Amino acid sequence: MSWVGVLVLIVGLYLAFKVVSFLLKVAMWGVVIAAAYWVVAPLVGWPPLMELFAA
């Protein structure tokens, strides 16, 4: 493998870690928002979380 291949591999791994980090942050914010809705919904009269996803 040439030095260009090694450089491309290193940059690819770096970008892959950045993408995975971003996706985990988005997933965590989704969990935080769902938990906040789960706590607040009964207090303000909104439908429960499971009713939003029931078909």
C-alpha atoms as a PDB file:
ATOM      1  CA  MET A   1       0.000   0.000   0.000  1.00  0.00           C
ATOM      2  CA  SER A   2       1.420   3.350  -0.954  1.00  0.00           C
ATOM      3  CA  TRP A   3       1.562   6.388   1.293  1.00  0.00           C
ATOM      4  CA  VAL A   4      -1.462   7.827  -0.555  1.00  0.00           C
ATOM      5  CA  GLY A   5      -3.444   4.727   0.370  1.00  0.00           C
ATOM      6  CA  VAL A   6      -2.404   5.031   4.004  1.00  0.00           C
ATOM      7  CA  LEU A   7      -3.374   8.710   4.006  1.00  0.00           C
ATOM      8  CA  VAL A   8      -6.777   7.933   2.462  1.00  0.00           C
ATOM      9  CA  LEU A   9      -7.310   5.176   5.043  1.00  0.00           C
ATOM     10  CA  ILE A  10      -6.474   7.513   7.947  1.00  0.00           C
ATOM     11  CA  VAL A  11      -8.763  10.267   6.643  1.00  0.00           C
ATOM     12  CA  GLY A  12     -11.547   7.728   6.058  1.00  0.00           C
ATOM     13  CA  LEU A  13     -11.268   6.387   9.600  1.00  0.00           C
ATOM     14  CA  TYR A  14     -11.267   9.906  11.008  1.00  0.00           C
ATOM     15  CA  LEU A  15     -14.415  10.809   9.068  1.00  0.00           C
ATOM     16  CA  ALA A  16     -16.100   7.541  10.056  1.00  0.00           C
ATOM     17  CA  PHE A  17     -15.502   8.305  13.746  1.00  0.00           C
ATOM     18  CA  LYS A  18     -16.889  11.818  13.234  1.00  0.00           C
ATOM     19  CA  VAL A  19     -20.048  10.458  11.583  1.00  0.00           C
ATOM     20  CA  VAL A  20     -20.594   7.864  14.320  1.00  0.00           C
ATOM     21  CA  SER A  21     -20.082  10.523  16.981  1.00  0.00           C
ATOM     22  CA  PHE A  22     -22.639  12.787  15.314  1.00  0.00           C
ATOM     23  CA  LEU A  23     -25.190   9.969  15.025  1.00  0.00           C
ATOM     24  CA  LEU A  24     -24.770   9.056  18.693  1.00  0.00           C
ATOM     25  CA  LYS A  25     -25.286  12.687  19.707  1.00  0.00           C
ATOM     26  CA  VAL A  26     -28.461  12.869  17.619  1.00  0.00           C
ATOM     27  CA  ALA A  27     -29.713   9.622  19.178  1.00  0.00           C
ATOM     28  CA  MET A  28     -29.007  10.916  22.684  1.00  0.00           C
ATOM     29  CA  TRP A  29     -30.901  14.141  21.999  1.00  0.00           C
ATOM     30  CA  GLY A  30     -33.791  12.019  20.720  1.00  0.00           C
ATOM     31  CA  VAL A  31     -33.812  10.084  23.993  1.00  0.00           C
ATOM     32  CA  VAL A  32     -33.688  13.319  26.013  1.00  0.00           C
ATOM     33  CA  ILE A  33     -36.592  14.849  24.069  1.00  0.00           C
ATOM     34  CA  ALA A  34     -38.665  11.657  24.341  1.00  0.00           C
ATOM     35  CA  ALA A  35     -38.022  11.462  28.098  1.00  0.00           C
ATOM     36  CA  ALA A  36     -38.965  15.112  28.566  1.00  0.00           C
ATOM     37  CA  TYR A  37     -42.184  14.582  26.594  1.00  0.00           C
ATOM     38  CA  TRP A  38     -42.940  11.433  28.613  1.00  0.00           C
ATOM     39  CA  VAL A  39     -42.680  13.456  31.845  1.00  0.00           C
ATOM     40  CA  VAL A  40     -44.423  16.645  30.674  1.00  0.00           C
ATOM     41  CA  ALA A  41     -47.259  15.165  28.573  1.00  0.00           C
ATOM     42  CA  PRO A  42     -49.483  13.976  31.456  1.00  0.00           C
ATOM     43  CA  LEU A  43     -49.089  17.288  33.247  1.00  0.00           C
ATOM     44  CA  VAL A  44     -50.302  19.419  30.343  1.00  0.00           C
ATOM     45  CA  GLY A  45     -52.898  17.026  28.922  1.00  0.00           C
ATOM     46  CA  TRP A  46     -51.039  15.903  25.808  1.00  0.00           C
ATOM     47  CA  PRO A  47     -51.477  12.329  24.537  1.00  0.00           C
ATOM     48  CA  PRO A  48     -49.090   9.730  25.931  1.00  0.00           C
ATOM     49  CA  LEU A  49     -45.967   8.947  23.963  1.00  0.00           C
ATOM     50  CA  MET A  50     -47.166   5.485  22.893  1.00  0.00           C
ATOM     51  CA  GLU A  51     -50.357   6.919  21.372  1.00  0.00           C
ATOM     52  CA  LEU A  52     -48.270   9.071  19.034  1.00  0.00           C
ATOM     53  CA  PHE A  53     -46.724   5.970  17.433  1.00  0.00           C
ATOM     54  CA  ALA A  54     -49.797   3.693  17.458  1.00  0.00           C
ATOM     55  CA  ALA A  55     -51.115   3.012  13.996  1.00  0.00           C
END
